[in-house]
C-alpha cells in the first residue's frame, strides 16, 4: 500500500507540474499576443517580427518539459544510488563456517512451519531425501510448494522446525559451504550478458572448454553446435537472445558445472511448452542423477517419475507415496492426475 501511495503521490506531483506549465504557457502566450497587438498598432514592430517572437515563446515549452523529465531521471538515479550506497556502506555480514562434514547430500526437513505474517504458508512439513533420490512436491497454486523449496534452499528461515543438509542447519552454513552442497533452479532464469564461456564460468571459473561443452550436451542443448562462434558467442541483452528452453538449459548446465550434492528445482521445466517439454525433462533428470533432488512439479508426468511424491494443500502435506501408491489411494493426487490427463487429451 505504501508503494501505491508513493506512486499516486508521484503521479499527482507530475500532474500539478504539468498544470502549472500549461497555465504559465497560457499566460505567457496571452501576454505576448497583447503586447504584440499594441506594438503593431503603435508601429514599433511589424506583424512578421511579432509572429517570430510568438513562435519563440511557443518553443520555450519543449526545453521546459525536457527539464522536468531530466529532474524525474535525476530523482530515479538518486534512489538507485542510495540503494547501491546502502549495500556498500552496510554489506551483508558473511556467515561463519559451521564446520560442516564432507558433502554427501542428505536432506532432513522436520516439522517445519513458516508464515509470511498472516496464517501458515507451510505447517508441520517433514521430508527426507537421500543422495540419488528425487522427491516431487505437487499441489494447487498457493499450496506452499515454492515456500518449501525456499526453506530447503536457505532463502527463508523457518518459524519452527529444522531444515538440515548433511546434519547441519541450512541457514547456519557459510556461503562456501552452502554453494558446495546446494543449488536452486527456478522457473525464472537469467542469461547474463557476455559470451557463453563467461556465462558458464560463473558457476565454475576453473572449468575447461571441454567440460563446458560436455555439460551443454548433457542438458540436450543441441542449439549450441549450430553457433558459428561456439563458446565465444555473445548472448544476453547485448547479443544472441536465447529462447526460453535454451535459457533454461543454460541454467541447468551452470548447476551441473557447480556440481552440488542437493538440487532444488522450482518448476524448472514449466516454461518449456509442448515442444521443449521432453528435452527439458530429460535435462532435469540428468541433473538429478546421483544427487538429492527436490522438485516442485508443474507437470505431473515429471512428478510421476520421482521416488516419492508429496501432495500439499493449504500448507500441509496431505498425501505422500509413489505415483502408483497415490493412484491406488484414490485421493487428492488421483484427482490432480485425472485432471492433468484430461487436459493433455
Protein backbone atom coordinates (compact mmCIF):
# COMPACT_ATOMS: atom_id res chain seq x y z
CA UNK A 1 0.00 0.00 0.00
CA UNK A 2 2.96 2.30 0.66
CA UNK A 3 4.09 1.65 -2.92
CA UNK A 4 0.62 2.57 -4.20
CA UNK A 5 0.55 5.78 -2.15
CA UNK A 6 4.04 6.82 -3.25
CA UNK A 7 3.20 6.07 -6.86
CA UNK A 8 -0.01 8.08 -6.63
CA UNK A 9 1.89 10.96 -4.98
CA UNK A 10 4.48 10.94 -7.76
CA UNK A 11 1.83 10.97 -10.49
CA UNK A 12 -0.06 13.74 -8.69
CA UNK A 13 3.11 15.83 -8.46
CA UNK A 14 3.77 15.41 -12.18
CA UNK A 15 0.14 16.34 -12.95
CA UNK A 16 0.38 19.51 -10.83
CA UNK A 17 3.64 20.50 -12.54
CA UNK A 18 2.02 19.86 -15.91
CA UNK A 19 -0.94 22.10 -14.98
CA UNK A 20 1.43 24.84 -13.80
CA UNK A 21 3.38 24.58 -17.05
CA UNK A 22 0.17 24.82 -19.08
CA UNK A 23 -1.05 27.79 -17.03
CA UNK A 24 2.27 29.64 -17.36
CA UNK A 25 2.31 28.94 -21.09
CA UNK A 26 -1.24 30.25 -21.45
CA UNK A 27 -0.41 33.48 -19.54
CA UNK A 28 2.84 33.91 -21.45
CA UNK A 29 1.19 33.48 -24.87
CA UNK A 30 -1.74 35.69 -23.88
CA UNK A 31 0.63 38.44 -22.72
CA UNK A 32 2.70 38.03 -25.88
CA UNK A 33 -0.35 38.42 -28.09
CA UNK A 34 -1.48 41.52 -26.18
CA UNK A 35 1.96 43.16 -26.30
CA UNK A 36 2.32 42.22 -29.96
CA UNK A 37 -1.04 43.77 -30.81
CA UNK A 38 -0.13 47.02 -29.02
CA UNK A 39 3.33 47.27 -30.61
CA UNK A 40 1.96 46.62 -34.11
CA UNK A 41 -0.75 49.26 -33.56
CA UNK A 42 1.87 51.78 -32.44
CA UNK A 43 4.15 50.94 -35.38
CA UNK A 44 7.05 49.88 -33.13
CA UNK A 45 7.10 46.33 -34.62
CA UNK A 46 5.91 44.65 -37.78
CA UNK A 47 3.48 41.73 -37.90
CA UNK A 48 6.34 39.44 -39.02
CA UNK A 49 8.50 40.42 -36.05
CA UNK A 50 5.65 39.79 -33.62
CA UNK A 51 4.93 36.41 -35.26
CA UNK A 52 8.60 35.43 -34.90
CA UNK A 53 8.58 36.44 -31.24
CA UNK A 54 5.43 34.38 -30.57
CA UNK A 55 6.95 31.31 -32.26
CA UNK A 56 10.00 31.67 -30.00
CA UNK A 57 7.71 31.79 -26.94
CA UNK A 58 5.92 28.63 -28.09
CA UNK A 59 9.26 26.85 -28.49
CA UNK A 60 10.09 27.50 -24.83
CA UNK A 61 7.67 24.70 -23.89
CA UNK A 62 9.97 21.96 -25.23
CA UNK A 63 13.06 22.85 -23.12
CA UNK A 64 10.93 23.36 -20.01
CA UNK A 65 9.26 19.95 -20.43
CA UNK A 66 12.70 18.45 -21.07
CA UNK A 67 13.92 19.94 -17.79
CA UNK A 68 11.01 18.27 -15.96
CA UNK A 69 11.93 14.90 -17.49
CA UNK A 70 15.58 15.41 -16.50
CA UNK A 71 14.54 16.13 -12.92
CA UNK A 72 12.49 12.92 -12.89
CA UNK A 73 15.51 10.96 -14.17
CA UNK A 74 17.77 12.58 -11.56
CA UNK A 75 15.37 11.52 -8.80
CA UNK A 76 15.33 7.92 -10.08
CA UNK A 77 19.12 7.94 -10.33
CA UNK A 78 19.41 9.27 -6.79
CA UNK A 79 17.18 6.48 -5.47
CA UNK A 80 19.27 3.87 -7.30
CA UNK A 81 22.49 5.41 -5.98
CA UNK A 82 21.07 5.33 -2.46
CA UNK A 83 20.41 1.57 -2.78
CA UNK A 84 23.94 0.93 -4.08
CA UNK A 85 25.48 3.09 -1.35
CA UNK A 86 23.40 1.25 1.24
CA UNK A 87 24.82 -2.11 0.17
CA UNK A 88 28.39 -0.72 0.09
CA UNK A 89 28.15 1.04 3.46
CA UNK A 90 26.27 -1.76 5.23
CA UNK A 91 27.01 -5.01 3.36
CA UNK A 92 25.51 -8.34 4.44
CA UNK A 93 27.67 -9.93 7.10
CA UNK A 94 29.22 -13.23 5.98
CA UNK A 95 28.15 -16.32 7.90
CA UNK A 96 30.93 -18.04 9.77
CA UNK A 97 31.74 -21.61 8.68
CA UNK A 98 29.56 -24.11 10.52
CA UNK A 99 32.17 -26.86 10.37
CA UNK A 100 30.00 -28.98 8.09
CA UNK A 101 31.18 -32.53 7.33
CA UNK A 102 32.18 -33.60 3.80
CA UNK A 103 29.32 -33.03 1.38
CA UNK A 104 27.11 -36.07 0.79
CA UNK A 105 23.62 -34.69 0.16
CA UNK A 106 21.46 -35.98 2.99
CA UNK A 107 18.38 -33.75 3.47
CA UNK A 108 16.19 -33.73 6.59
CA UNK A 109 13.20 -31.42 6.99
CA UNK A 110 11.46 -31.95 10.33
CA UNK A 111 8.14 -30.39 11.40
CA UNK A 112 8.81 -27.13 9.58
CA UNK A 113 6.31 -24.27 9.76
CA UNK A 114 6.63 -20.85 8.18
CA UNK A 115 4.38 -17.79 7.96
CA UNK A 116 4.60 -14.64 5.83
CA UNK A 117 2.64 -12.77 8.52
CA UNK A 118 -0.95 -13.95 8.10
CA UNK A 119 -1.60 -17.63 8.64
CA UNK A 120 0.77 -20.50 7.93
CA UNK A 121 2.25 -20.75 4.45
CA UNK A 122 3.52 -24.23 5.38
CA UNK A 123 2.76 -26.10 8.57
CA UNK A 124 4.36 -29.22 10.11
CA UNK A 125 6.06 -30.31 6.88
CA UNK A 126 8.56 -33.16 7.15
CA UNK A 127 10.54 -34.96 4.46
CA UNK A 128 13.87 -36.67 3.94
CA UNK A 129 15.91 -37.13 0.77
CA UNK A 130 18.90 -39.43 0.40
CA UNK A 131 21.59 -39.00 -2.27
CA UNK A 132 20.37 -40.26 -5.62
CA UNK A 133 16.69 -39.92 -4.68
CA UNK A 134 14.13 -37.45 -6.00
CA UNK A 135 11.15 -36.09 -4.07
CA UNK A 136 8.46 -34.23 -6.00
CA UNK A 137 6.08 -31.70 -4.42
CA UNK A 138 2.73 -31.17 -6.15
CA UNK A 139 -0.45 -29.28 -5.39
CA UNK A 140 -2.62 -26.40 -6.48
CA UNK A 141 -1.33 -22.82 -6.65
CA UNK A 142 -0.85 -21.41 -3.16
CA UNK A 143 -0.48 -24.83 -1.54
CA UNK A 144 3.00 -23.96 -0.21
CA UNK A 145 5.22 -25.79 -2.72
CA UNK A 146 7.53 -22.86 -3.51
CA UNK A 147 7.84 -21.97 0.18
CA UNK A 148 9.09 -25.50 0.93
CA UNK A 149 11.66 -25.10 -1.86
CA UNK A 150 12.77 -21.71 -0.48
CA UNK A 151 13.13 -23.16 3.03
CA UNK A 152 15.30 -26.02 1.80
CA UNK A 153 17.41 -23.62 -0.28
CA UNK A 154 18.02 -21.45 2.78
CA UNK A 155 16.22 -18.45 1.28
CA UNK A 156 13.74 -18.47 4.16
CA UNK A 157 14.25 -19.19 7.87
CA UNK A 158 11.54 -21.46 9.34
CA UNK A 159 9.50 -20.16 12.27
CA UNK A 160 9.69 -23.62 13.81
CA UNK A 161 11.24 -26.94 12.93
CA UNK A 162 14.60 -27.71 11.31
CA UNK A 163 15.96 -27.89 7.77
CA UNK A 164 19.28 -29.76 7.64
CA UNK A 165 21.68 -30.76 4.89
CA UNK A 166 24.35 -33.27 5.92
CA UNK A 167 23.24 -32.83 9.51
CA UNK A 168 23.75 -29.04 9.61
CA UNK A 169 21.08 -26.34 9.60
CA UNK A 170 20.95 -24.81 6.13
CA UNK A 171 20.75 -21.26 7.47
CA UNK A 172 23.91 -21.76 9.56
CA UNK A 173 26.05 -22.85 6.59
CA UNK A 174 28.55 -20.31 5.28
CA UNK A 175 28.33 -19.17 1.67
CA UNK A 176 31.09 -21.53 0.56
CA UNK A 177 29.59 -24.47 2.47
CA UNK A 178 26.14 -23.83 1.02
CA UNK A 179 27.39 -23.43 -2.57
CA UNK A 180 29.30 -26.70 -2.33
CA UNK A 181 26.16 -28.57 -1.27
CA UNK A 182 23.09 -26.83 -2.55
CA UNK A 183 21.81 -25.13 -5.70
CA UNK A 184 18.39 -23.96 -6.79
CA UNK A 185 16.96 -23.65 -10.30
CA UNK A 186 13.75 -21.65 -10.54
CA UNK A 187 11.24 -21.10 -13.31
CA UNK A 188 12.69 -17.64 -13.92
CA UNK A 189 16.30 -17.88 -15.12
CA UNK A 190 18.68 -15.18 -16.32
CA UNK A 191 21.06 -15.16 -19.26
CA UNK A 192 23.94 -12.88 -18.35
CA UNK A 193 25.24 -10.51 -20.99
CA UNK A 194 28.55 -11.82 -22.30
CA UNK A 195 29.96 -14.85 -24.05
CA UNK A 196 28.65 -18.34 -23.36
CA UNK A 197 32.01 -19.15 -21.79
CA UNK A 198 31.67 -16.25 -19.36
CA UNK A 199 28.07 -17.19 -18.59
CA UNK A 200 29.02 -20.77 -17.73
CA UNK A 201 32.22 -19.89 -15.87
CA UNK A 202 30.15 -18.00 -13.27
CA UNK A 203 29.42 -21.40 -11.76
CA UNK A 204 32.95 -22.82 -12.10
CA UNK A 205 35.69 -20.32 -13.08
CA UNK A 206 38.25 -23.13 -13.48
CA UNK A 207 36.11 -25.16 -15.89
CA UNK A 208 37.71 -26.01 -19.24
CA UNK A 209 36.03 -25.59 -22.62
CA UNK A 210 35.63 -29.37 -22.90
CA UNK A 211 33.85 -29.50 -19.54
CA UNK A 212 31.51 -26.68 -20.58
CA UNK A 213 30.65 -28.36 -23.87
CA UNK A 214 30.10 -31.66 -22.04
CA UNK A 215 27.51 -30.20 -19.66
CA UNK A 216 25.73 -28.47 -22.55
CA UNK A 217 25.47 -31.85 -24.28
CA UNK A 218 24.14 -33.44 -21.08
CA UNK A 219 21.26 -30.92 -20.93
CA UNK A 220 20.41 -31.55 -24.63
CA UNK A 221 21.50 -28.05 -25.75
CA UNK A 222 21.68 -29.06 -29.43
CA UNK A 223 21.40 -25.41 -30.46
CA UNK A 224 24.96 -24.84 -29.19
CA UNK A 225 26.53 -26.83 -32.03
CA UNK A 226 24.83 -24.57 -34.59
CA UNK A 227 26.61 -21.46 -33.26
CA UNK A 228 29.43 -20.34 -35.54
CA UNK A 229 31.45 -18.87 -32.64
CA UNK A 230 30.77 -21.67 -30.16
CA UNK A 231 31.58 -20.67 -26.60
CA UNK A 232 32.66 -17.22 -27.84
CA UNK A 233 29.08 -16.43 -28.92
CA UNK A 234 27.81 -13.32 -27.16
CA UNK A 235 24.42 -13.92 -25.51
CA UNK A 236 22.10 -11.91 -23.32
CA UNK A 237 20.98 -8.31 -23.68
CA UNK A 238 23.93 -7.33 -25.90
CA UNK A 239 23.98 -10.46 -28.05
CA UNK A 240 22.01 -13.54 -29.09
CA UNK A 241 18.60 -13.71 -27.40
CA UNK A 242 18.13 -17.31 -26.29
CA UNK A 243 14.73 -18.95 -26.44
CA UNK A 244 13.14 -19.88 -23.06
CA UNK A 245 14.05 -23.55 -23.43
CA UNK A 246 17.66 -22.71 -24.34
CA UNK A 247 17.93 -20.27 -21.42
CA UNK A 248 16.66 -22.96 -19.03
CA UNK A 249 19.14 -25.48 -20.44
CA UNK A 250 21.93 -22.97 -19.89
CA UNK A 251 20.85 -22.55 -16.26
CA UNK A 252 20.83 -26.33 -15.75
CA UNK A 253 24.29 -26.56 -17.35
CA UNK A 254 25.63 -23.99 -14.89
CA UNK A 255 24.34 -26.08 -11.98
CA UNK A 256 25.99 -29.18 -13.42
CA UNK A 257 29.31 -27.33 -13.54
CA UNK A 258 28.76 -26.25 -9.93
CA UNK A 259 28.18 -29.94 -9.05
CA UNK A 260 26.24 -29.59 -5.76
CA UNK A 261 25.01 -32.61 -3.83
CA UNK A 262 21.48 -31.23 -3.41
CA UNK A 263 19.41 -29.56 -6.12
CA UNK A 264 16.10 -27.76 -5.71
CA UNK A 265 14.12 -27.34 -8.92
CA UNK A 266 11.18 -24.97 -8.50
CA UNK A 267 9.10 -25.60 -11.64
CA UNK A 268 12.34 -25.53 -13.63
CA UNK A 269 10.64 -27.02 -16.71
CA UNK A 270 7.35 -25.09 -16.53
CA UNK A 271 8.26 -22.69 -19.38
CA UNK A 272 9.19 -25.43 -21.81
CA UNK A 273 5.91 -25.59 -23.70
CA UNK A 274 4.86 -28.70 -25.58
CA UNK A 275 7.83 -28.69 -27.98
CA UNK A 276 10.61 -28.41 -25.41
CA UNK A 277 8.96 -30.26 -22.52
CA UNK A 278 10.62 -33.63 -23.09
CA UNK A 279 14.04 -32.11 -23.76
CA UNK A 280 13.98 -30.11 -20.52
CA UNK A 281 12.51 -33.04 -18.60
CA UNK A 282 15.42 -35.25 -19.71
CA UNK A 283 17.88 -32.49 -18.76
CA UNK A 284 16.32 -32.13 -15.31
CA UNK A 285 16.51 -35.88 -14.74
CA UNK A 286 20.16 -35.86 -15.82
CA UNK A 287 20.86 -33.09 -13.30
CA UNK A 288 19.13 -35.05 -10.51
CA UNK A 289 21.22 -38.19 -11.08
CA UNK A 290 23.28 -39.22 -8.01
CA UNK A 291 22.02 -36.13 -6.16
CA UNK A 292 19.32 -35.48 -3.60
CA UNK A 293 16.66 -33.57 -5.55
CA UNK A 294 13.54 -31.71 -4.51
CA UNK A 295 11.31 -30.97 -7.49
CA UNK A 296 8.37 -28.57 -7.37
CA UNK A 297 6.48 -30.17 -10.22
CA UNK A 298 4.34 -28.16 -12.59
CA UNK A 299 3.96 -31.09 -14.96
CA UNK A 300 2.59 -34.19 -13.25
CA UNK A 301 4.37 -36.51 -15.67
CA UNK A 302 7.59 -35.15 -14.14
CA UNK A 303 6.31 -35.91 -10.65
CA UNK A 304 5.30 -39.44 -11.65
CA UNK A 305 8.98 -40.36 -12.15
CA UNK A 306 10.03 -39.27 -8.64
CA UNK A 307 10.91 -41.76 -5.90
CA UNK A 308 8.40 -40.09 -3.58
CA UNK A 309 5.60 -37.57 -4.14
CA UNK A 310 4.31 -35.12 -1.54
CA UNK A 311 0.85 -33.71 -2.18
CA UNK A 312 0.32 -30.34 -0.50
CA UNK A 313 -2.88 -28.47 0.24
CA UNK A 314 -3.19 -25.27 2.31
CA UNK A 315 0.39 -25.54 3.51
CA UNK A 316 0.18 -29.13 4.71
CA UNK A 317 1.29 -32.46 3.28
CA UNK A 318 -1.97 -34.34 2.82
CA UNK A 319 -0.64 -37.37 0.92
CA UNK A 320 2.73 -38.99 0.27
CA UNK A 321 3.93 -42.03 -1.60
CA UNK A 322 4.96 -43.24 -5.04
CA UNK A 323 2.94 -42.47 -8.16
CA UNK A 324 1.37 -45.94 -8.18
CA UNK A 325 0.57 -45.85 -4.46
CA UNK A 326 -1.13 -42.48 -4.67
CA UNK A 327 -3.26 -43.52 -7.65
CA UNK A 328 -4.44 -46.57 -5.70
CA UNK A 329 -5.21 -44.36 -2.70
CA UNK A 330 -7.81 -42.53 -4.82
CA UNK A 331 -7.33 -39.18 -3.09
CA UNK A 332 -6.16 -35.68 -3.94
CA UNK A 333 -3.29 -36.83 -6.17
CA UNK A 334 -5.60 -39.10 -8.15
CA UNK A 335 -7.88 -36.11 -8.79
CA UNK A 336 -4.93 -33.96 -9.95
CA UNK A 337 -3.66 -36.75 -12.19
CA UNK A 338 -7.07 -37.29 -13.78
CA UNK A 339 -7.43 -33.55 -14.45
CA UNK A 340 -3.89 -33.46 -15.87
CA UNK A 341 -4.56 -36.39 -18.23
CA UNK A 342 -7.86 -34.85 -19.34
CA UNK A 343 -6.12 -31.54 -20.04
CA UNK A 344 -3.48 -33.23 -22.20
CA UNK A 345 -6.15 -35.02 -24.22
